[in-house]
Amino acid sequence: MSRAFVKEDDIGADVALPERPLGEARNFVTARGLAQIDAGIARLSQALATETAENRPALARDLRYWSARRESAEVIAPPADDASVRFASLVTLEYEDGTQRRYRIVGIDEADPQAGLLSHAAPLAAALLGRKAGESVTVAGKEAQIVVIAH
């Protein structure tokens, strides 16, 4: 935060940081997502042990957040078959203009749409879950057909 937005009386004062919200959606994770959470906790624990006092409140807050996420994590195994789209499915969509995109449906913390990792709570994932290859979905005004479902 810029010092321009801090009252002079607060400079140097210990101001408690607000906790990071955990959200309402169930914390489904892939095995890869759980490993990422564990790595983040280890990194934050190490940093907390070595960082200066100035950075400790933010690190402690982040460590509490990721520890709570780890505690609530529900590891979902990849689907046993490719009959329909489920959590951890890899789905290939073909849009009306002929372009294809592949998405893996993953946990909220693992999501990275640019990398093709789509949160199970995202509108597109919600539209895909339970659908079969050959079916169409419409999200944000775009129609796409499910071409391939894999795991």
Protein backbone atom coordinates (compact mmCIF):
# COMPACT_ATOMS: atom_id res chain seq x y z
CA MET A 1 0.00 0.00 0.00
CA SER A 2 1.25 3.45 -0.78
CA ARG A 3 2.25 5.57 2.20
CA ALA A 4 -0.07 8.25 0.80
CA PHE A 5 -3.02 6.23 2.09
CA VAL A 6 -1.69 5.67 5.61
CA LYS A 7 -2.43 8.07 8.44
CA GLU A 8 0.68 9.44 10.11
CA ASP A 9 -0.49 7.94 13.42
CA ASP A 10 -0.46 4.47 11.80
CA ILE A 11 3.10 4.62 10.47
CA GLY A 12 5.03 1.93 12.26
CA ALA A 13 1.95 0.64 14.06
CA ASP A 14 1.07 -3.02 13.86
CA VAL A 15 -2.03 -3.05 11.70
CA ALA A 16 -3.72 -6.44 11.52
CA LEU A 17 -4.21 -7.73 8.01
CA PRO A 18 -7.67 -9.05 7.14
CA GLU A 19 -7.87 -12.80 6.69
CA ARG A 20 -8.09 -14.15 3.16
CA PRO A 21 -11.63 -15.44 2.47
CA LEU A 22 -11.89 -19.20 2.03
CA GLY A 23 -14.99 -19.11 -0.18
CA GLU A 24 -18.15 -21.17 -0.13
CA ALA A 25 -17.39 -23.82 -2.78
CA ARG A 26 -16.19 -27.25 -1.66
CA ASN A 27 -12.44 -27.52 -1.85
CA PHE A 28 -12.07 -30.28 -4.44
CA VAL A 29 -8.46 -30.78 -5.54
CA THR A 30 -6.53 -33.05 -7.86
CA ALA A 31 -3.47 -34.86 -6.55
CA ARG A 32 -1.39 -32.24 -8.37
CA GLY A 33 -3.37 -29.44 -6.71
CA LEU A 34 -2.80 -30.97 -3.26
CA ALA A 35 0.93 -31.18 -3.97
CA GLN A 36 0.90 -27.48 -4.94
CA ILE A 37 -0.81 -26.58 -1.65
CA ASP A 38 1.73 -28.63 0.31
CA ALA A 39 4.63 -26.95 -1.54
CA GLY A 40 3.15 -23.52 -0.84
CA ILE A 41 2.80 -24.30 2.87
CA ALA A 42 6.41 -25.49 3.02
CA ARG A 43 7.63 -22.37 1.19
CA LEU A 44 5.65 -20.05 3.46
CA SER A 45 6.80 -21.86 6.62
CA GLN A 46 10.41 -21.50 5.53
CA ALA A 47 9.94 -17.84 4.61
CA LEU A 48 8.20 -17.10 7.91
CA ALA A 49 11.18 -18.52 9.79
CA THR A 50 13.67 -16.31 7.95
CA GLU A 51 11.84 -13.10 7.00
CA THR A 52 12.03 -9.73 8.65
CA ALA A 53 9.38 -8.56 11.08
CA GLU A 54 7.88 -6.29 8.40
CA ASN A 55 6.89 -9.22 6.17
CA ARG A 56 5.84 -11.65 8.90
CA PRO A 57 2.14 -10.60 9.23
CA ALA A 58 1.46 -11.15 5.52
CA LEU A 59 3.35 -14.44 5.50
CA ALA A 60 1.53 -15.65 8.62
CA ARG A 61 -1.84 -14.69 7.09
CA ASP A 62 -1.01 -16.57 3.87
CA LEU A 63 0.20 -19.59 5.85
CA ARG A 64 -3.09 -19.66 7.80
CA TYR A 65 -5.04 -19.45 4.55
CA TRP A 66 -3.16 -22.29 2.83
CA SER A 67 -3.22 -24.43 5.98
CA ALA A 68 -7.02 -24.04 6.11
CA ARG A 69 -7.24 -24.86 2.39
CA ARG A 70 -5.09 -27.97 3.02
CA GLU A 71 -7.31 -29.03 5.91
CA SER A 72 -10.50 -28.71 3.85
CA ALA A 73 -9.06 -30.28 0.68
CA GLU A 74 -11.00 -33.20 -0.79
CA VAL A 75 -8.79 -35.11 -3.22
CA ILE A 76 -10.84 -36.35 -6.16
CA ALA A 77 -9.37 -39.18 -8.21
CA PRO A 78 -9.45 -38.89 -11.99
CA PRO A 79 -12.61 -40.39 -13.49
CA ALA A 80 -12.44 -44.12 -14.22
CA ASP A 81 -14.07 -43.66 -17.62
CA ASP A 82 -14.61 -40.95 -20.18
CA ALA A 83 -18.38 -41.36 -20.57
CA SER A 84 -19.15 -37.87 -19.29
CA VAL A 85 -17.35 -34.77 -18.06
CA ARG A 86 -16.38 -34.95 -14.39
CA PHE A 87 -13.92 -33.31 -12.05
CA ALA A 88 -10.36 -33.84 -13.38
CA SER A 89 -11.62 -34.62 -16.92
CA LEU A 90 -9.69 -33.21 -19.85
CA VAL A 91 -12.26 -31.80 -22.26
CA THR A 92 -11.68 -30.68 -25.84
CA LEU A 93 -14.20 -28.15 -27.10
CA GLU A 94 -14.72 -27.02 -30.67
CA TYR A 95 -16.21 -23.56 -31.06
CA GLU A 96 -18.44 -22.37 -33.92
CA ASP A 97 -15.47 -20.81 -35.74
CA GLY A 98 -13.63 -24.17 -35.76
CA THR A 99 -11.10 -23.36 -33.05
CA GLN A 100 -10.49 -25.99 -30.42
CA ARG A 101 -9.55 -25.50 -26.77
CA ARG A 102 -8.67 -28.09 -24.15
CA TYR A 103 -9.56 -27.64 -20.50
CA ARG A 104 -8.91 -29.79 -17.46
CA ILE A 105 -11.46 -29.29 -14.69
CA VAL A 106 -9.53 -28.75 -11.46
CA GLY A 107 -9.80 -27.24 -7.99
CA ILE A 108 -10.25 -23.53 -7.40
CA ASP A 109 -6.67 -22.94 -6.25
CA GLU A 110 -5.21 -24.88 -9.16
CA ALA A 111 -7.16 -23.01 -11.83
CA ASP A 112 -5.30 -21.17 -14.59
CA PRO A 113 -7.60 -20.66 -17.60
CA GLN A 114 -4.73 -19.46 -19.82
CA ALA A 115 -3.02 -22.80 -19.17
CA GLY A 116 -6.25 -24.73 -19.78
CA LEU A 117 -6.91 -25.42 -16.08
CA LEU A 118 -10.53 -24.54 -15.35
CA SER A 119 -11.96 -24.26 -11.83
CA HIS A 120 -14.86 -26.62 -11.17
CA ALA A 121 -16.73 -23.56 -9.87
CA ALA A 122 -16.33 -21.61 -13.14
CA PRO A 123 -19.44 -21.13 -15.30
CA LEU A 124 -17.92 -23.07 -18.22
CA ALA A 125 -17.05 -26.01 -15.97
CA ALA A 126 -20.57 -25.96 -14.50
CA ALA A 127 -21.98 -26.10 -18.04
CA LEU A 128 -19.69 -29.02 -18.95
CA LEU A 129 -20.06 -31.24 -15.88
CA GLY A 130 -22.22 -34.28 -16.62
CA ARG A 131 -22.24 -33.71 -20.40
CA LYS A 132 -21.13 -36.28 -22.98
CA ALA A 133 -19.01 -36.06 -26.12
CA GLY A 134 -21.06 -34.66 -29.00
CA GLU A 135 -23.18 -32.43 -26.77
CA SER A 136 -23.08 -28.65 -27.07
CA VAL A 137 -22.80 -26.03 -24.37
CA THR A 138 -23.37 -22.29 -24.48
CA VAL A 139 -21.46 -20.03 -22.13
CA ALA A 140 -21.11 -16.25 -22.39
CA GLY A 141 -22.94 -16.31 -25.70
CA LYS A 142 -20.55 -18.75 -27.37
CA GLU A 143 -21.58 -22.22 -28.39
CA ALA A 144 -19.11 -25.09 -28.35
CA GLN A 145 -19.35 -28.81 -28.92
CA ILE A 146 -17.63 -31.34 -26.68
CA VAL A 147 -15.33 -33.21 -29.05
CA VAL A 148 -13.26 -35.39 -26.70
CA ILE A 149 -13.42 -36.31 -23.01
CA ALA A 150 -10.28 -37.85 -21.52
CA HIS A 151 -8.69 -38.24 -18.12
